[in-house]
């Protein structure tokens, strides 16, 4: 179900290199190349799903895996304050049409005294 025209499919298949954080059987997490906060990690399903709605409806086990990976990374890397958000559709700000969550936080754990 991978789409070779999709940049996230190419990252998932390792055709394009990314700064990998962690991966599971179904999901992959990597640092955003244009971070908006000190922590800005993208969490994607390895298989192509156009958006979070499609992922939820067609592959609930992959959705759970993605959410577990994202929240585990958030717990490891942030102070506990974080956002995991999904844009669905161009009008909502989605620019890559492969489901992905933006894990962001202004309070990295390693910067706390």
N, C-alpha and C. Protein backbone atom coordinates (compact mmCIF):
# COMPACT_ATOMS: atom_id res chain seq x y z
N UNK A 1 0.83 -1.20 0.00
CA UNK A 1 0.00 0.00 0.00
C UNK A 1 0.87 1.26 0.00
N UNK A 2 2.19 1.11 -0.09
CA UNK A 2 3.06 2.28 -0.12
C UNK A 2 2.98 2.97 -1.47
N UNK A 3 3.12 4.27 -1.44
CA UNK A 3 3.02 5.11 -2.62
C UNK A 3 4.40 5.74 -2.84
N UNK A 4 5.08 5.38 -3.92
CA UNK A 4 6.44 5.85 -4.15
C UNK A 4 6.51 7.35 -4.45
N UNK A 5 5.38 8.00 -4.70
CA UNK A 5 5.36 9.45 -4.87
C UNK A 5 5.24 10.17 -3.52
N UNK A 6 5.00 9.43 -2.46
CA UNK A 6 4.77 10.00 -1.13
C UNK A 6 6.10 10.03 -0.37
N UNK A 7 6.50 11.21 0.08
CA UNK A 7 7.77 11.34 0.79
C UNK A 7 7.80 10.52 2.08
N UNK A 8 6.69 10.44 2.81
CA UNK A 8 6.68 9.67 4.05
C UNK A 8 6.75 8.16 3.77
N UNK A 9 6.16 7.70 2.66
CA UNK A 9 6.32 6.29 2.28
C UNK A 9 7.78 6.00 1.96
N UNK A 10 8.44 6.94 1.31
CA UNK A 10 9.85 6.76 0.97
C UNK A 10 10.74 6.79 2.21
N UNK A 11 10.37 7.59 3.21
CA UNK A 11 11.09 7.58 4.49
C UNK A 11 10.85 6.25 5.20
N UNK A 12 9.60 5.78 5.22
CA UNK A 12 9.26 4.52 5.88
C UNK A 12 9.98 3.34 5.25
N UNK A 13 10.18 3.38 3.93
CA UNK A 13 10.86 2.28 3.25
C UNK A 13 12.38 2.46 3.24
N UNK A 14 12.85 3.54 3.87
CA UNK A 14 14.27 3.87 4.00
C UNK A 14 14.92 4.27 2.66
N UNK A 15 14.10 4.67 1.68
CA UNK A 15 14.62 5.21 0.42
C UNK A 15 15.16 6.62 0.63
N UNK A 16 14.56 7.33 1.59
CA UNK A 16 15.00 8.67 1.96
C UNK A 16 15.39 8.62 3.43
N UNK A 17 16.54 9.18 3.74
CA UNK A 17 17.03 9.18 5.11
C UNK A 17 16.32 10.25 5.94
N UNK A 18 16.05 9.91 7.18
CA UNK A 18 15.48 10.85 8.14
C UNK A 18 16.21 10.66 9.46
N UNK A 19 16.11 11.66 10.32
CA UNK A 19 16.75 11.58 11.64
C UNK A 19 15.81 10.78 12.55
N UNK A 20 15.97 9.48 12.51
CA UNK A 20 15.09 8.53 13.18
C UNK A 20 15.17 8.66 14.70
N UNK A 21 14.01 8.64 15.34
CA UNK A 21 13.93 8.64 16.80
C UNK A 21 13.69 7.21 17.27
N UNK A 22 12.69 6.55 16.69
CA UNK A 22 12.34 5.18 17.09
C UNK A 22 11.38 4.62 16.06
N UNK A 23 11.33 3.28 15.99
CA UNK A 23 10.34 2.65 15.13
C UNK A 23 9.82 1.38 15.76
N UNK A 24 8.64 0.99 15.31
CA UNK A 24 8.00 -0.26 15.72
C UNK A 24 7.68 -1.02 14.44
N UNK A 25 7.00 -2.12 14.58
CA UNK A 25 6.59 -2.89 13.41
C UNK A 25 5.73 -2.06 12.46
N UNK A 26 4.86 -1.21 13.01
CA UNK A 26 3.89 -0.48 12.19
C UNK A 26 4.13 1.02 12.07
N UNK A 27 5.00 1.59 12.89
CA UNK A 27 5.14 3.05 12.96
C UNK A 27 6.60 3.47 12.96
N UNK A 28 6.80 4.73 12.61
CA UNK A 28 8.14 5.31 12.55
C UNK A 28 8.07 6.73 13.09
N UNK A 29 9.06 7.13 13.86
CA UNK A 29 9.12 8.49 14.40
C UNK A 29 10.47 9.10 14.02
N UNK A 30 10.42 10.35 13.56
CA UNK A 30 11.65 11.04 13.17
C UNK A 30 11.50 12.53 13.43
N UNK A 31 12.65 13.21 13.59
CA UNK A 31 12.64 14.65 13.86
C UNK A 31 12.16 15.41 12.64
N UNK A 32 11.31 16.42 12.86
CA UNK A 32 10.84 17.29 11.79
C UNK A 32 12.02 18.12 11.27
N UNK A 33 12.11 18.29 9.96
CA UNK A 33 13.23 19.06 9.40
C UNK A 33 13.05 20.56 9.57
N UNK A 34 11.85 21.00 9.90
CA UNK A 34 11.59 22.42 10.18
C UNK A 34 10.88 22.55 11.52
N UNK A 35 11.59 22.28 12.61
CA UNK A 35 10.93 22.25 13.92
C UNK A 35 10.36 23.60 14.33
N UNK A 36 9.18 23.55 14.96
CA UNK A 36 8.52 24.76 15.45
C UNK A 36 8.66 24.91 16.96
N UNK A 37 9.15 23.88 17.62
CA UNK A 37 9.38 23.89 19.06
C UNK A 37 10.64 23.07 19.34
N UNK A 38 11.19 23.14 20.55
CA UNK A 38 12.40 22.37 20.85
C UNK A 38 12.24 20.86 20.56
N UNK A 39 11.07 20.32 20.83
CA UNK A 39 10.75 18.95 20.43
C UNK A 39 9.71 19.05 19.32
N UNK A 40 10.03 18.53 18.16
CA UNK A 40 9.08 18.46 17.05
C UNK A 40 9.41 17.19 16.26
N UNK A 41 8.67 16.15 16.56
CA UNK A 41 8.89 14.82 16.00
C UNK A 41 7.63 14.41 15.25
N UNK A 42 7.82 13.84 14.08
CA UNK A 42 6.69 13.31 13.31
C UNK A 42 6.56 11.82 13.57
N UNK A 43 5.34 11.37 13.77
CA UNK A 43 5.05 9.96 14.00
C UNK A 43 4.12 9.52 12.89
N UNK A 44 4.57 8.51 12.10
CA UNK A 44 3.80 8.09 10.93
C UNK A 44 3.55 6.57 10.95
N UNK A 45 2.46 6.14 10.32
CA UNK A 45 2.32 4.71 10.07
C UNK A 45 3.24 4.35 8.90
N UNK A 46 3.81 3.16 8.92
CA UNK A 46 4.68 2.76 7.82
C UNK A 46 3.90 2.54 6.54
N UNK A 47 2.68 2.03 6.65
CA UNK A 47 1.84 1.86 5.46
C UNK A 47 1.15 3.18 5.14
N UNK A 48 0.88 3.39 3.86
CA UNK A 48 0.27 4.65 3.43
C UNK A 48 -1.22 4.69 3.79
N UNK A 49 -1.59 5.73 4.51
CA UNK A 49 -2.98 6.10 4.78
C UNK A 49 -2.99 7.61 4.59
N UNK A 50 -3.93 8.13 3.85
CA UNK A 50 -3.91 9.55 3.47
C UNK A 50 -3.99 10.50 4.66
N UNK A 51 -4.69 10.09 5.73
CA UNK A 51 -4.87 10.98 6.88
C UNK A 51 -5.30 10.15 8.09
N UNK A 52 -5.47 10.81 9.22
CA UNK A 52 -5.79 10.11 10.46
C UNK A 52 -7.18 9.46 10.40
N UNK A 53 -8.10 10.05 9.67
CA UNK A 53 -9.44 9.46 9.51
C UNK A 53 -9.34 8.12 8.78
N UNK A 54 -8.59 8.09 7.69
CA UNK A 54 -8.41 6.86 6.93
C UNK A 54 -7.68 5.81 7.78
N UNK A 55 -6.66 6.22 8.51
CA UNK A 55 -5.93 5.30 9.38
C UNK A 55 -6.85 4.72 10.44
N UNK A 56 -7.65 5.55 11.07
CA UNK A 56 -8.57 5.11 12.12
C UNK A 56 -9.58 4.11 11.58
N UNK A 57 -10.15 4.42 10.42
CA UNK A 57 -11.20 3.57 9.84
C UNK A 57 -10.66 2.27 9.25
N UNK A 58 -9.45 2.29 8.70
CA UNK A 58 -8.95 1.13 7.96
C UNK A 58 -7.92 0.29 8.69
N UNK A 59 -7.28 0.85 9.71
CA UNK A 59 -6.20 0.11 10.38
C UNK A 59 -6.11 0.50 11.86
N UNK A 60 -7.13 0.18 12.65
CA UNK A 60 -7.12 0.60 14.05
C UNK A 60 -5.92 0.07 14.84
N UNK A 61 -5.41 -1.11 14.51
CA UNK A 61 -4.24 -1.63 15.23
C UNK A 61 -3.01 -0.78 14.95
N UNK A 62 -2.87 -0.30 13.71
CA UNK A 62 -1.76 0.58 13.35
C UNK A 62 -1.92 1.93 14.05
N UNK A 63 -3.15 2.41 14.19
CA UNK A 63 -3.41 3.66 14.90
C UNK A 63 -2.97 3.54 16.36
N UNK A 64 -3.35 2.46 17.02
CA UNK A 64 -2.96 2.26 18.42
C UNK A 64 -1.44 2.20 18.54
N UNK A 65 -0.79 1.51 17.61
CA UNK A 65 0.67 1.42 17.63
C UNK A 65 1.30 2.81 17.49
N UNK A 66 0.78 3.60 16.57
CA UNK A 66 1.29 4.96 16.36
C UNK A 66 1.11 5.82 17.61
N UNK A 67 -0.05 5.74 18.23
CA UNK A 67 -0.32 6.53 19.44
C UNK A 67 0.58 6.08 20.60
N UNK A 68 0.78 4.80 20.74
CA UNK A 68 1.66 4.30 21.80
C UNK A 68 3.09 4.77 21.58
N UNK A 69 3.56 4.70 20.34
CA UNK A 69 4.91 5.17 20.04
C UNK A 69 5.03 6.66 20.33
N UNK A 70 4.09 7.45 19.87
CA UNK A 70 4.14 8.89 20.08
C UNK A 70 4.13 9.27 21.55
N UNK A 71 3.27 8.65 22.32
CA UNK A 71 3.19 9.01 23.74
C UNK A 71 4.39 8.49 24.52
N UNK A 72 4.95 7.35 24.12
CA UNK A 72 6.16 6.84 24.77
C UNK A 72 7.33 7.80 24.53
N UNK A 73 7.48 8.26 23.30
CA UNK A 73 8.54 9.21 22.98
C UNK A 73 8.32 10.52 23.74
N UNK A 74 7.07 10.98 23.80
CA UNK A 74 6.76 12.21 24.54
C UNK A 74 7.15 12.07 26.00
N UNK A 75 6.86 10.93 26.58
CA UNK A 75 7.20 10.69 27.97
C UNK A 75 8.72 10.66 28.18
N UNK A 76 9.43 10.10 27.22
CA UNK A 76 10.89 10.00 27.31
C UNK A 76 11.59 11.34 27.10
N UNK A 77 11.07 12.16 26.21
CA UNK A 77 11.79 13.35 25.78
C UNK A 77 11.29 14.66 26.37
N UNK A 78 10.06 14.69 26.86
CA UNK A 78 9.51 15.95 27.38
C UNK A 78 9.35 15.90 28.89
N UNK A 79 9.04 17.06 29.44
CA UNK A 79 8.79 17.16 30.88
C UNK A 79 7.46 16.52 31.27
N UNK A 80 6.69 16.12 30.27
CA UNK A 80 5.34 15.59 30.51
C UNK A 80 4.29 16.48 29.90
N UNK A 81 4.69 17.69 29.46
CA UNK A 81 3.79 18.60 28.76
C UNK A 81 4.10 18.51 27.27
N UNK A 82 3.12 18.07 26.49
CA UNK A 82 3.35 17.91 25.06
C UNK A 82 2.02 17.97 24.31
N UNK A 83 2.13 18.05 23.01
CA UNK A 83 0.96 18.02 22.12
C UNK A 83 1.24 16.97 21.06
N UNK A 84 0.24 16.14 20.74
CA UNK A 84 0.30 15.21 19.63
C UNK A 84 -0.90 15.53 18.76
N UNK A 85 -0.66 16.18 17.62
CA UNK A 85 -1.77 16.68 16.80
C UNK A 85 -1.69 16.17 15.37
N UNK A 86 -2.86 16.08 14.76
CA UNK A 86 -3.00 15.57 13.40
C UNK A 86 -3.81 16.57 12.58
N UNK A 87 -3.30 16.95 11.42
CA UNK A 87 -4.05 17.79 10.49
C UNK A 87 -4.64 16.88 9.42
N UNK A 88 -5.93 17.05 9.13
CA UNK A 88 -6.58 16.24 8.11
C UNK A 88 -7.21 17.16 7.08
N UNK A 89 -6.66 17.12 5.87
CA UNK A 89 -7.15 17.94 4.78
C UNK A 89 -6.36 19.23 4.64
N UNK A 90 -6.30 19.73 3.42
CA UNK A 90 -5.54 20.95 3.13
C UNK A 90 -6.04 22.14 3.93
N UNK A 91 -7.34 22.24 4.12
CA UNK A 91 -7.91 23.37 4.85
C UNK A 91 -7.51 23.35 6.33
N UNK A 92 -7.14 22.19 6.83
CA UNK A 92 -6.70 22.06 8.23
C UNK A 92 -5.19 22.18 8.36
N UNK A 93 -4.51 22.38 7.23
CA UNK A 93 -3.07 22.56 7.26
C UNK A 93 -2.26 21.34 6.89
N UNK A 94 -2.91 20.25 6.46
CA UNK A 94 -2.16 19.07 6.06
C UNK A 94 -1.45 19.36 4.74
N UNK A 95 -0.13 19.14 4.71
CA UNK A 95 0.64 19.40 3.49
C UNK A 95 1.24 18.13 2.90
N UNK A 96 1.42 17.10 3.72
CA UNK A 96 1.85 15.79 3.24
C UNK A 96 0.67 14.86 3.48
N UNK A 97 0.17 14.25 2.41
CA UNK A 97 -1.07 13.48 2.51
C UNK A 97 -0.78 12.01 2.78
N UNK A 98 -0.09 11.81 3.90
CA UNK A 98 0.19 10.52 4.52
C UNK A 98 -0.05 10.80 6.00
N UNK A 99 -0.90 10.01 6.64
CA UNK A 99 -1.23 10.27 8.05
C UNK A 99 0.04 10.48 8.86
N UNK A 100 0.03 11.51 9.69
CA UNK A 100 1.18 11.76 10.57
C UNK A 100 0.77 12.67 11.72
N UNK A 101 1.35 12.38 12.86
CA UNK A 101 1.14 13.20 14.03
C UNK A 101 2.35 14.06 14.29
N UNK A 102 2.11 15.28 14.73
CA UNK A 102 3.17 16.19 15.15
C UNK A 102 3.27 16.12 16.66
N UNK A 103 4.36 15.57 17.16
CA UNK A 103 4.62 15.54 18.59
C UNK A 103 5.48 16.76 18.90
N UNK A 104 4.93 17.69 19.67
CA UNK A 104 5.66 18.92 19.98
C UNK A 104 5.65 19.18 21.48
N UNK A 105 6.73 19.84 21.93
CA UNK A 105 6.81 20.25 23.33
C UNK A 105 7.82 21.38 23.44
N UNK A 106 7.52 22.30 24.31
CA UNK A 106 8.44 23.41 24.60
C UNK A 106 9.35 23.09 25.78
N UNK A 107 9.12 21.93 26.43
CA UNK A 107 9.87 21.62 27.64
C UNK A 107 10.56 20.26 27.54
N UNK A 108 11.70 20.21 26.85
CA UNK A 108 12.45 18.96 26.79
C UNK A 108 12.94 18.55 28.17
N UNK A 109 12.90 17.27 28.44
CA UNK A 109 13.32 16.72 29.73
C UNK A 109 14.78 17.07 30.01
N UNK A 110 15.64 17.04 28.99
CA UNK A 110 17.08 17.28 29.21
C UNK A 110 17.41 18.73 29.50
N UNK A 111 16.45 19.65 29.36
CA UNK A 111 16.71 21.06 29.68
C UNK A 111 16.21 21.45 31.06
N UNK A 112 15.62 20.49 31.78
CA UNK A 112 15.11 20.79 33.11
C UNK A 112 16.22 20.65 34.14
N UNK A 113 16.22 21.53 35.12
CA UNK A 113 17.26 21.50 36.16
C UNK A 113 16.89 20.54 37.26
